[in-house]
Amino acid sequence: MASSATASGGKFDEKLPGEKPPKHPGKHRKFLPVAEGKGMGSLEKQQNDKILSSLLARNSDEPLDVSKAITMYKVKKEKQRRKEKNMPSKSDKLKPQKKPHKKSSKKRA
């Protein structure tokens, strides 16, 4: 037995006998109301504080990688020097040289 299609897309339709329930019911995100009411500013502030504290807590555990910071600083300075001198970058040297597509064929006797 098949069910007929409706404008609701089956959301409010009765289930047929033997029809299985949906495997993954959708989770809907909860947003604050658009129109500000009483106490809405404090709710938004609480949400922002919660996000900020989680970000700060996550980053506080990681120690500062000094060698990575030094490397980034050197690369930045090198790029500035190249820009001032209008020198080609080292990446140009890494590009493959173009080879002819046609191989030279030697005639055999």
PDB file of N, CA and C in Angstrom:
ATOM      1  N   MET A   1       0.843  -1.173   0.000  1.00  0.00           N
ATOM      2  CA  MET A   1       0.000   0.000   0.000  1.00  0.00           C
ATOM      3  C   MET A   1       0.893   1.242   0.000  1.00  0.00           C
ATOM      4  N   ALA A   2       0.654   2.138  -0.910  1.00  0.00           N
ATOM      5  CA  ALA A   2       1.473   3.339  -1.023  1.00  0.00           C
ATOM      6  C   ALA A   2       0.692   4.539  -0.529  1.00  0.00           C
ATOM      7  N   SER A   3       1.425   5.504   0.030  1.00  0.00           N
ATOM      8  CA  SER A   3       0.766   6.724   0.489  1.00  0.00           C
ATOM      9  C   SER A   3       0.825   7.760  -0.615  1.00  0.00           C
ATOM     10  N   SER A   4      -0.124   8.670  -0.622  1.00  0.00           N
ATOM     11  CA  SER A   4      -0.148   9.709  -1.644  1.00  0.00           C
ATOM     12  C   SER A   4       0.620  10.930  -1.147  1.00  0.00           C
ATOM     13  N   ALA A   5       1.175  11.667  -2.079  1.00  0.00           N
ATOM     14  CA  ALA A   5       1.967  12.848  -1.738  1.00  0.00           C
ATOM     15  C   ALA A   5       1.047  14.004  -1.371  1.00  0.00           C
ATOM     16  N   THR A   6       1.478  14.781  -0.385  1.00  0.00           N
ATOM     17  CA  THR A   6       0.719  15.959   0.026  1.00  0.00           C
ATOM     18  C   THR A   6       1.645  17.165   0.043  1.00  0.00           C
ATOM     19  N   ALA A   7       1.055  18.337   0.219  1.00  0.00           N
ATOM     20  CA  ALA A   7       1.848  19.562   0.232  1.00  0.00           C
ATOM     21  C   ALA A   7       2.753  19.645   1.456  1.00  0.00           C
ATOM     22  N   SER A   8       2.401  18.918   2.514  1.00  0.00           N
ATOM     23  CA  SER A   8       3.213  18.985   3.730  1.00  0.00           C
ATOM     24  C   SER A   8       4.480  18.149   3.616  1.00  0.00           C
ATOM     25  N   GLY A   9       4.626  17.392   2.561  1.00  0.00           N
ATOM     26  CA  GLY A   9       5.820  16.567   2.387  1.00  0.00           C
ATOM     27  C   GLY A   9       5.864  15.415   3.369  1.00  0.00           C
ATOM     28  N   GLY A  10       4.701  14.979   3.862  1.00  0.00           N
ATOM     29  CA  GLY A  10       4.650  13.846   4.768  1.00  0.00           C
ATOM     30  C   GLY A  10       4.898  14.187   6.216  1.00  0.00           C
ATOM     31  N   LYS A  11       5.097  15.449   6.512  1.00  0.00           N
ATOM     32  CA  LYS A  11       5.432  15.833   7.883  1.00  0.00           C
ATOM     33  C   LYS A  11       4.250  15.618   8.829  1.00  0.00           C
ATOM     34  N   PHE A  12       3.043  15.922   8.370  1.00  0.00           N
ATOM     35  CA  PHE A  12       1.870  15.826   9.236  1.00  0.00           C
ATOM     36  C   PHE A  12       0.963  14.654   8.850  1.00  0.00           C
ATOM     37  N   ASP A  13       1.399  13.833   7.917  1.00  0.00           N
ATOM     38  CA  ASP A  13       0.573  12.719   7.461  1.00  0.00           C
ATOM     39  C   ASP A  13       0.612  11.572   8.457  1.00  0.00           C
ATOM     40  N   GLU A  14      -0.451  10.800   8.460  1.00  0.00           N
ATOM     41  CA  GLU A  14      -0.485   9.612   9.313  1.00  0.00           C
ATOM     42  C   GLU A  14       0.400   8.538   8.695  1.00  0.00           C
ATOM     43  N   LYS A  15       1.044   7.772   9.551  1.00  0.00           N
ATOM     44  CA  LYS A  15       1.919   6.709   9.084  1.00  0.00           C
ATOM     45  C   LYS A  15       1.068   5.511   8.671  1.00  0.00           C
ATOM     46  N   LEU A  16       1.501   4.834   7.635  1.00  0.00           N
ATOM     47  CA  LEU A  16       0.815   3.632   7.193  1.00  0.00           C
ATOM     48  C   LEU A  16       1.164   2.476   8.121  1.00  0.00           C
ATOM     49  N   PRO A  17       0.313   1.480   8.201  1.00  0.00           N
ATOM     50  CA  PRO A  17       0.662   0.328   9.041  1.00  0.00           C
ATOM     51  C   PRO A  17       1.906  -0.371   8.489  1.00  0.00           C
ATOM     52  N   GLY A  18       2.873  -0.632   9.344  1.00  0.00           N
ATOM     53  CA  GLY A  18       4.113  -1.282   8.923  1.00  0.00           C
ATOM     54  C   GLY A  18       5.190  -0.309   8.483  1.00  0.00           C
ATOM     55  N   GLU A  19       4.882   0.992   8.457  1.00  0.00           N
ATOM     56  CA  GLU A  19       5.879   1.988   8.043  1.00  0.00           C
ATOM     57  C   GLU A  19       6.843   2.251   9.199  1.00  0.00           C
ATOM     58  N   LYS A  20       8.135   2.264   8.882  1.00  0.00           N
ATOM     59  CA  LYS A  20       9.155   2.445   9.918  1.00  0.00           C
ATOM     60  C   LYS A  20       9.292   3.926  10.276  1.00  0.00           C
ATOM     61  N   PRO A  21       9.640   4.218  11.527  1.00  0.00           N
ATOM     62  CA  PRO A  21       9.876   5.621  11.901  1.00  0.00           C
ATOM     63  C   PRO A  21      11.181   6.113  11.268  1.00  0.00           C
ATOM     64  N   PRO A  22      11.363   7.432  11.126  1.00  0.00           N
ATOM     65  CA  PRO A  22      12.605   7.942  10.520  1.00  0.00           C
ATOM     66  C   PRO A  22      13.817   7.570  11.366  1.00  0.00           C
ATOM     67  N   LYS A  23      14.926   7.245  10.679  1.00  0.00           N
ATOM     68  CA  LYS A  23      16.137   6.818  11.383  1.00  0.00           C
ATOM     69  C   LYS A  23      16.779   7.960  12.150  1.00  0.00           C
ATOM     70  N   HIS A  24      16.891   9.103  11.520  1.00  0.00           N
ATOM     71  CA  HIS A  24      17.570  10.239  12.142  1.00  0.00           C
ATOM     72  C   HIS A  24      16.619  11.431  12.182  1.00  0.00           C
ATOM     73  N   PRO A  25      15.902  11.600  13.267  1.00  0.00           N
ATOM     74  CA  PRO A  25      15.044  12.787  13.332  1.00  0.00           C
ATOM     75  C   PRO A  25      15.909  14.043  13.352  1.00  0.00           C
ATOM     76  N   GLY A  26      15.512  15.061  12.615  1.00  0.00           N
ATOM     77  CA  GLY A  26      16.327  16.264  12.470  1.00  0.00           C
ATOM     78  C   GLY A  26      16.458  17.042  13.760  1.00  0.00           C
ATOM     79  N   LYS A  27      17.651  17.556  13.984  1.00  0.00           N
ATOM     80  CA  LYS A  27      17.874  18.448  15.115  1.00  0.00           C
ATOM     81  C   LYS A  27      17.823  19.870  14.581  1.00  0.00           C
ATOM     82  N   HIS A  28      17.110  20.716  15.277  1.00  0.00           N
ATOM     83  CA  HIS A  28      16.974  22.094  14.826  1.00  0.00           C
ATOM     84  C   HIS A  28      17.797  23.007  15.723  1.00  0.00           C
ATOM     85  N   ARG A  29      18.473  23.954  15.107  1.00  0.00           N
ATOM     86  CA  ARG A  29      19.283  24.899  15.871  1.00  0.00           C
ATOM     87  C   ARG A  29      18.374  25.925  16.538  1.00  0.00           C
ATOM     88  N   LYS A  30      18.735  26.287  17.736  1.00  0.00           N
ATOM     89  CA  LYS A  30      17.944  27.255  18.486  1.00  0.00           C
ATOM     90  C   LYS A  30      18.635  28.615  18.420  1.00  0.00           C
ATOM     91  N   PHE A  31      17.925  29.600  17.917  1.00  0.00           N
ATOM     92  CA  PHE A  31      18.446  30.955  17.830  1.00  0.00           C
ATOM     93  C   PHE A  31      17.670  31.856  18.787  1.00  0.00           C
ATOM     94  N   LEU A  32      18.295  32.935  19.164  1.00  0.00           N
ATOM     95  CA  LEU A  32      17.593  33.932  19.964  1.00  0.00           C
ATOM     96  C   LEU A  32      16.557  34.617  19.085  1.00  0.00           C
ATOM     97  N   PRO A  33      15.458  35.087  19.662  1.00  0.00           N
ATOM     98  CA  PRO A  33      14.457  35.771  18.857  1.00  0.00           C
ATOM     99  C   PRO A  33      15.011  37.058  18.247  1.00  0.00           C
ATOM    100  N   VAL A  34      14.487  37.385  17.066  1.00  0.00           N
ATOM    101  CA  VAL A  34      14.956  38.577  16.361  1.00  0.00           C
ATOM    102  C   VAL A  34      14.540  39.836  17.117  1.00  0.00           C
ATOM    103  N   ALA A  35      13.300  39.871  17.567  1.00  0.00           N
ATOM    104  CA  ALA A  35      12.815  41.036  18.303  1.00  0.00           C
ATOM    105  C   ALA A  35      13.319  40.948  19.733  1.00  0.00           C
ATOM    106  N   GLU A  36      13.978  42.010  20.174  1.00  0.00           N
ATOM    107  CA  GLU A  36      14.520  42.006  21.534  1.00  0.00           C
ATOM    108  C   GLU A  36      13.398  42.197  22.530  1.00  0.00           C
ATOM    109  N   GLY A  37      13.374  41.315  23.495  1.00  0.00           N
ATOM    110  CA  GLY A  37      12.396  41.429  24.565  1.00  0.00           C
ATOM    111  C   GLY A  37      13.120  41.698  25.869  1.00  0.00           C
ATOM    112  N   LYS A  38      12.445  41.423  26.945  1.00  0.00           N
ATOM    113  CA  LYS A  38      13.020  41.674  28.260  1.00  0.00           C
ATOM    114  C   LYS A  38      14.094  40.619  28.543  1.00  0.00           C
ATOM    115  N   GLY A  39      15.320  41.053  28.814  1.00  0.00           N
ATOM    116  CA  GLY A  39      16.390  40.129  29.168  1.00  0.00           C
ATOM    117  C   GLY A  39      17.082  39.463  28.001  1.00  0.00           C
ATOM    118  N   MET A  40      16.764  39.838  26.770  1.00  0.00           N
ATOM    119  CA  MET A  40      17.397  39.204  25.614  1.00  0.00           C
ATOM    120  C   MET A  40      18.869  39.585  25.501  1.00  0.00           C
ATOM    121  N   GLY A  41      19.210  40.804  25.902  1.00  0.00           N
ATOM    122  CA  GLY A  41      20.611  41.231  25.842  1.00  0.00           C
ATOM    123  C   GLY A  41      21.492  40.395  26.753  1.00  0.00           C
ATOM    124  N   SER A  42      20.970  40.039  27.918  1.00  0.00           N
ATOM    125  CA  SER A  42      21.758  39.231  28.852  1.00  0.00           C
ATOM    126  C   SER A  42      21.943  37.813  28.323  1.00  0.00           C
ATOM    127  N   LEU A  43      20.929  37.270  27.632  1.00  0.00           N
ATOM    128  CA  LEU A  43      21.064  35.929  27.049  1.00  0.00           C
ATOM    129  C   LEU A  43      22.145  35.909  25.980  1.00  0.00           C
ATOM    130  N   GLU A  44      22.153  36.947  25.137  1.00  0.00           N
ATOM    131  CA  GLU A  44      23.171  37.025  24.083  1.00  0.00           C
ATOM    132  C   GLU A  44      24.559  37.170  24.698  1.00  0.00           C
ATOM    133  N   LYS A  45      24.657  37.964  25.743  1.00  0.00           N
ATOM    134  CA  LYS A  45      25.946  38.148  26.414  1.00  0.00           C
ATOM    135  C   LYS A  45      26.425  36.834  27.024  1.00  0.00           C
ATOM    136  N   GLN A  46      25.520  36.070  27.623  1.00  0.00           N
ATOM    137  CA  GLN A  46      25.893  34.779  28.199  1.00  0.00           C
ATOM    138  C   GLN A  46      26.400  33.822  27.125  1.00  0.00           C
ATOM    139  N   GLN A  47      25.719  33.807  25.975  1.00  0.00           N
ATOM    140  CA  GLN A  47      26.157  32.932  24.884  1.00  0.00           C
ATOM    141  C   GLN A  47      27.549  33.325  24.403  1.00  0.00           C
ATOM    142  N   ASN A  48      27.771  34.624  24.217  1.00  0.00           N
ATOM    143  CA  ASN A  48      29.075  35.089  23.744  1.00  0.00           C
ATOM    144  C   ASN A  48      30.167  34.807  24.762  1.00  0.00           C
ATOM    145  N   ASP A  49      29.869  34.993  26.047  1.00  0.00           N
ATOM    146  CA  ASP A  49      30.852  34.697  27.099  1.00  0.00           C
ATOM    147  C   ASP A  49      31.214  33.219  27.115  1.00  0.00           C
ATOM    148  N   LYS A  50      30.219  32.374  26.916  1.00  0.00           N
ATOM    149  CA  LYS A  50      30.457  30.928  26.911  1.00  0.00           C
ATOM    150  C   LYS A  50      31.375  30.540  25.746  1.00  0.00           C
ATOM    151  N   ILE A  51      31.122  31.090  24.567  1.00  0.00           N
ATOM    152  CA  ILE A  51      31.947  30.796  23.393  1.00  0.00           C
ATOM    153  C   ILE A  51      33.363  31.308  23.600  1.00  0.00           C
ATOM    154  N   LEU A  52      33.495  32.528  24.102  1.00  0.00           N
ATOM    155  CA  LEU A  52      34.811  33.122  24.315  1.00  0.00           C
ATOM    156  C   LEU A  52      35.614  32.340  25.342  1.00  0.00           C
ATOM    157  N   SER A  53      34.980  31.941  26.434  1.00  0.00           N
ATOM    158  CA  SER A  53      35.708  31.194  27.466  1.00  0.00           C
ATOM    159  C   SER A  53      36.157  29.834  26.949  1.00  0.00           C
ATOM    160  N   SER A  54      35.339  29.196  26.097  1.00  0.00           N
ATOM    161  CA  SER A  54      35.753  27.905  25.542  1.00  0.00           C
ATOM    162  C   SER A  54      36.930  28.075  24.590  1.00  0.00           C
ATOM    163  N   LEU A  55      36.934  29.161  23.815  1.00  0.00           N
ATOM    164  CA  LEU A  55      38.056  29.415  22.904  1.00  0.00           C
ATOM    165  C   LEU A  55      39.332  29.708  23.673  1.00  0.00           C
ATOM    166  N   LEU A  56      39.230  30.535  24.696  1.00  0.00           N
ATOM    167  CA  LEU A  56      40.415  30.868  25.487  1.00  0.00           C
ATOM    168  C   LEU A  56      40.938  29.647  26.234  1.00  0.00           C
ATOM    169  N   ALA A  57      40.055  28.819  26.734  1.00  0.00           N
ATOM    170  CA  ALA A  57      40.479  27.618  27.456  1.00  0.00           C
ATOM    171  C   ALA A  57      41.169  26.644  26.513  1.00  0.00           C
ATOM    172  N   ARG A  58      40.688  26.547  25.292  1.00  0.00           N
ATOM    173  CA  ARG A  58      41.276  25.637  24.317  1.00  0.00           C
ATOM    174  C   ARG A  58      42.684  26.090  23.936  1.00  0.00           C
ATOM    175  N   ASN A  59      42.874  27.398  23.779  1.00  0.00           N
ATOM    176  CA  ASN A  59      44.173  27.912  23.350  1.00  0.00           C
ATOM    177  C   ASN A  59      45.170  28.029  24.491  1.00  0.00           C
ATOM    178  N   SER A  60      44.702  28.066  25.724  1.00  0.00           N
ATOM    179  CA  SER A  60      45.628  28.255  26.837  1.00  0.00           C
ATOM    180  C   SER A  60      46.445  26.997  27.106  1.00  0.00           C
ATOM    181  N   ASP A  61      45.940  25.827  26.738  1.00  0.00           N
ATOM    182  CA  ASP A  61      46.666  24.583  26.971  1.00  0.00           C
ATOM    183  C   ASP A  61      47.848  24.419  26.027  1.00  0.00           C
ATOM    184  N   GLU A  62      47.767  25.027  24.852  1.00  0.00           N
ATOM    185  CA  GLU A  62      48.814  24.856  23.851  1.00  0.00           C
ATOM    186  C   GLU A  62      49.980  25.800  24.153  1.00  0.00           C
ATOM    187  N   PRO A  63      51.189  25.261  24.327  1.00  0.00           N
ATOM    188  CA  PRO A  63      52.346  26.138  24.545  1.00  0.00           C
ATOM    189  C   PRO A  63      52.735  26.834  23.238  1.00  0.00           C
ATOM    190  N   LEU A  64      53.417  27.941  23.352  1.00  0.00           N
ATOM    191  CA  LEU A  64      53.851  28.702  22.192  1.00  0.00           C
ATOM    192  C   LEU A  64      55.004  27.976  21.520  1.00  0.00           C
ATOM    193  N   ASP A  65      54.861  27.691  20.240  1.00  0.00           N
ATOM    194  CA  ASP A  65      55.910  27.009  19.491  1.00  0.00           C
ATOM    195  C   ASP A  65      56.871  28.076  18.971  1.00  0.00           C
ATOM    196  N   VAL A  66      57.998  28.229  19.657  1.00  0.00           N
ATOM    197  CA  VAL A  66      58.939  29.306  19.348  1.00  0.00           C
ATOM    198  C   VAL A  66      59.581  29.086  17.989  1.00  0.00           C
ATOM    199  N   SER A  67      59.962  27.855  17.681  1.00  0.00           N
ATOM    200  CA  SER A  67      60.632  27.603  16.399  1.00  0.00           C
ATOM    201  C   SER A  67      59.700  27.910  15.228  1.00  0.00           C
ATOM    202  N   LYS A  68      58.422  27.578  15.362  1.00  0.00           N
ATOM    203  CA  LYS A  68      57.464  27.877  14.304  1.00  0.00           C
ATOM    204  C   LYS A  68      57.298  29.386  14.141  1.00  0.00           C
ATOM    205  N   ALA A  69      57.258  30.103  15.258  1.00  0.00           N
ATOM    206  CA  ALA A  69      57.112  31.556  15.205  1.00  0.00           C
ATOM    207  C   ALA A  69      58.325  32.195  14.543  1.00  0.00           C
ATOM    208  N   ILE A  70      59.528  31.698  14.849  1.00  0.00           N
ATOM    209  CA  ILE A  70      60.752  32.238  14.240  1.00  0.00           C
ATOM    210  C   ILE A  70      60.749  31.982  12.743  1.00  0.00           C
ATOM    211  N   THR A  71      60.362  30.775  12.339  1.00  0.00           N
ATOM    212  CA  THR A  71      60.315  30.441  10.915  1.00  0.00           C
ATOM    213  C   THR A  71      59.332  31.339  10.180  1.00  0.00           C
ATOM    214  N   MET A  72      58.168  31.558  10.767  1.00  0.00           N
ATOM    215  CA  MET A  72      57.179  32.425  10.131  1.00  0.00           C
ATOM    216  C   MET A  72      57.704  33.852   9.999  1.00  0.00           C
ATOM    217  N   TYR A  73      58.414  34.324  11.007  1.00  0.00           N
ATOM    218  CA  TYR A  73      58.982  35.669  10.977  1.00  0.00           C
ATOM    219  C   TYR A  73      60.021  35.778   9.862  1.00  0.00           C
ATOM    220  N   LYS A  74      60.902  34.765   9.744  1.00  0.00           N
ATOM    221  CA  LYS A  74      61.940  34.789   8.708  1.00  0.00           C
ATOM    222  C   LYS A  74      61.333  34.756   7.312  1.00  0.00           C
ATOM    223  N   VAL A  75      60.319  33.943   7.121  1.00  0.00           N
ATOM    224  CA  VAL A  75      59.668  33.852   5.815  1.00  0.00           C
ATOM    225  C   VAL A  75      59.035  35.185   5.449  1.00  0.00           C
ATOM    226  N   LYS A  76      58.411  35.830   6.419  1.00  0.00           N
ATOM    227  CA  LYS A  76      57.782  37.128   6.175  1.00  0.00           C
ATOM    228  C   LYS A  76      58.820  38.168   5.764  1.00  0.00           C
ATOM    229  N   LYS A  77      59.958  38.195   6.473  1.00  0.00           N
ATOM    230  CA  LYS A  77      61.022  39.144   6.138  1.00  0.00           C
ATOM    231  C   LYS A  77      61.590  38.856   4.750  1.00  0.00           C
ATOM    232  N   GLU A  78      61.766  37.575   4.431  1.00  0.00           N
ATOM    233  CA  GLU A  78      62.305  37.193   3.120  1.00  0.00           C
ATOM    234  C   GLU A  78      61.369  37.649   2.004  1.00  0.00           C
ATOM    235  N   LYS A  79      60.073  37.496   2.212  1.00  0.00           N
ATOM    236  CA  LYS A  79      59.105  37.938   1.209  1.00  0.00           C
ATOM    237  C   LYS A  79      59.165  39.449   1.023  1.00  0.00           C
ATOM    238  N   GLN A  80      59.338  40.183   2.126  1.00  0.00           N
ATOM    239  CA  GLN A  80      59.437  41.641   2.030  1.00  0.00           C
ATOM    240  C   GLN A  80      60.683  42.046   1.253  1.00  0.00           C
ATOM    241  N   ARG A  81      61.810  41.363   1.514  1.00  0.00           N
ATOM    242  CA  ARG A  81      63.051  41.682   0.797  1.00  0.00           C
ATOM    243  C   ARG A  81      62.904  41.421  -0.694  1.00  0.00           C
ATOM    244  N   ARG A  82      62.294  40.298  -1.039  1.00  0.00           N
ATOM    245  CA  ARG A  82      62.104  39.976  -2.457  1.00  0.00           C
ATOM    246  C   ARG A  82      61.205  41.010  -3.130  1.00  0.00           C
ATOM    247  N   LYS A  83      60.194  41.434  -2.403  1.00  0.00           N
ATOM    248  CA  LYS A  83      59.265  42.408  -2.955  1.00  0.00           C
ATOM    249  C   LYS A  83      59.974  43.734  -3.222  1.00  0.00           C
ATOM    250  N   GLU A  84      60.852  44.134  -2.309  1.00  0.00           N
ATOM    251  CA  GLU A  84      61.587  45.384  -2.477  1.00  0.00           C
ATOM    252  C   GLU A  84      62.580  45.303  -3.632  1.00  0.00           C
ATOM    253  N   LYS A  85      63.227  44.166  -3.791  1.00  0.00           N
ATOM    254  CA  LYS A  85      64.242  44.014  -4.835  1.00  0.00           C
ATOM    255  C   LYS A  85      63.652  43.528  -6.152  1.00  0.00           C
ATOM    256  N   ASN A  86      62.378  43.163  -6.154  1.00  0.00           N
ATOM    257  CA  ASN A  86      61.716  42.606  -7.335  1.00  0.00           C
ATOM    258  C   ASN A  86      62.438  41.369  -7.846  1.00  0.00           C
ATOM    259  N   MET A  87      62.897  40.555  -6.922  1.00  0.00           N
ATOM    260  CA  MET A  87      63.579  39.323  -7.289  1.00  0.00           C
ATOM    261  C   MET A  87      62.539  38.224  -7.490  1.00  0.00           C
ATOM    262  N   PRO A  88      62.820  37.290  -8.396  1.00  0.00           N
ATOM    263  CA  PRO A  88      61.900  36.160  -8.527  1.00  0.00           C
ATOM    264  C   PRO A  88      61.988  35.273  -7.293  1.00  0.00           C
ATOM    265  N   SER A  89      60.916  34.655  -6.968  1.00  0.00           N
ATOM    266  CA  SER A  89      60.902  33.816  -5.767  1.00  0.00           C
ATOM    267  C   SER A  89      61.572  32.480  -6.038  1.00  0.00           C
ATOM    268  N   LYS A  90      61.908  31.794  -4.980  1.00  0.00           N
ATOM    269  CA  LYS A  90      62.567  30.504  -5.112  1.00  0.00           C
ATOM    270  C   LYS A  90      61.632  29.468  -5.709  1.00  0.00           C
ATOM    271  N   SER A  91      60.352  29.686  -5.614  1.00  0.00           N
ATOM    272  CA  SER A  91      59.404  28.701  -6.132  1.00  0.00           C
ATOM    273  C   SER A  91      59.488  28.592  -7.651  1.00  0.00           C
ATOM    274  N   ASP A  92      60.017  29.640  -8.328  1.00  0.00           N
ATOM    275  CA  ASP A  92      60.186  29.566  -9.772  1.00  0.00           C
ATOM    276  C   ASP A  92      61.196  28.493 -10.137  1.00  0.00           C
ATOM    277  N   LYS A  93      62.189  28.289  -9.294  1.00  0.00           N
ATOM    278  CA  LYS A  93      63.208  27.292  -9.578  1.00  0.00           C
ATOM    279  C   LYS A  93      62.647  25.884  -9.455  1.00  0.00           C
ATOM    280  N   LEU A  94      61.598  25.746  -8.701  1.00  0.00           N
ATOM    281  CA  LEU A  94      61.036  24.423  -8.471  1.00  0.00           C
ATOM    282  C   LEU A  94      60.078  23.983  -9.570  1.00  0.00           C
ATOM    283  N   LYS A  95      59.717  24.887 -10.457  1.00  0.00           N
ATOM    284  CA  LYS A  95      58.794  24.532 -11.520  1.00  0.00           C
ATOM    285  C   LYS A  95      59.499  23.631 -12.530  1.00  0.00           C
ATOM    286  N   PRO A  96      58.816  22.620 -13.041  1.00  0.00           N
ATOM    287  CA  PRO A  96      59.458  21.712 -13.999  1.00  0.00           C
ATOM    288  C   PRO A  96      59.728  22.415 -15.320  1.00  0.00           C
ATOM    289  N   GLN A  97      60.814  22.006 -15.930  1.00  0.00           N
ATOM    290  CA  GLN A  97      61.153  22.577 -17.226  1.00  0.00           C
ATOM    291  C   GLN A  97      60.276  21.926 -18.281  1.00  0.00           C
ATOM    292  N   LYS A  98      59.907  22.715 -19.272  1.00  0.00           N
ATOM    293  CA  LYS A  98      59.036  22.185 -20.309  1.00  0.00           C
ATOM    294  C   LYS A  98      59.858  21.321 -21.255  1.00  0.00           C
ATOM    295  N   LYS A  99      59.334  20.149 -21.529  1.00  0.00           N
ATOM    296  CA  LYS A  99      59.992  19.228 -22.442  1.00  0.00           C
ATOM    297  C   LYS A  99      59.120  19.095 -23.677  1.00  0.00           C
ATOM    298  N   PRO A 100      59.737  18.867 -24.822  1.00  0.00           N
ATOM    299  CA  PRO A 100      58.924  18.695 -26.028  1.00  0.00           C
ATOM    300  C   PRO A 100      58.072  17.428 -25.905  1.00  0.00           C
ATOM    301  N   HIS A 101      56.864  17.503 -26.433  1.00  0.00           N
ATOM    302  CA  HIS A 101      55.955  16.369 -26.336  1.00  0.00           C
ATOM    303  C   HIS A 101      56.353  15.249 -27.292  1.00  0.00           C
ATOM    304  N   LYS A 102      56.951  15.640 -28.395  1.00  0.00           N
ATOM    305  CA  LYS A 102      57.280  14.668 -29.425  1.00  0.00           C
ATOM    306  C   LYS A 102      58.677  14.123 -29.172  1.00  0.00           C
ATOM    307  N   LYS A 103      58.789  12.824 -29.105  1.00  0.00           N
ATOM    308  CA  LYS A 103      60.100  12.226 -28.912  1.00  0.00           C
ATOM    309  C   LYS A 103      60.781  12.101 -30.270  1.00  0.00           C
ATOM    310  N   SER A 104      62.092  12.330 -30.278  1.00  0.00           N
ATOM    311  CA  SER A 104      62.821  12.205 -31.539  1.00  0.00           C
ATOM    312  C   SER A 104      63.006  10.724 -31.837  1.00  0.00           C
ATOM    313  N   SER A 105      62.585  10.342 -33.002  1.00  0.00           N
ATOM    314  CA  SER A 105      62.707   8.929 -33.376  1.00  0.00           C
ATOM    315  C   SER A 105      63.929   8.760 -34.266  1.00  0.00           C
ATOM    316  N   LYS A 106      64.747   7.801 -33.924  1.00  0.00           N
ATOM    317  CA  LYS A 106      65.936   7.515 -34.724  1.00  0.00           C
ATOM    318  C   LYS A 106      65.585   6.405 -35.708  1.00  0.00           C
ATOM    319  N   LYS A 107      65.976   6.624 -36.947  1.00  0.00           N
ATOM    320  CA  LYS A 107      65.676   5.622 -37.972  1.00  0.00           C
ATOM    321  C   LYS A 107      66.660   4.473 -37.852  1.00  0.00           C
ATOM    322  N   ARG A 108      66.121   3.284 -37.869  1.00  0.00           N
ATOM    323  CA  ARG A 108      66.969   2.103 -37.807  1.00  0.00           C
ATOM    324  C   ARG A 108      67.141   1.538 -39.210  1.00  0.00           C
ATOM    325  N   ALA A 109      68.322   1.069 -39.470  1.00  0.00           N
ATOM    326  CA  ALA A 109      68.591   0.547 -40.810  1.00  0.00           C
ATOM    327  C   ALA A 109      68.397  -0.946 -40.872  1.00  0.00           C
TER     328      ALA A 109
END
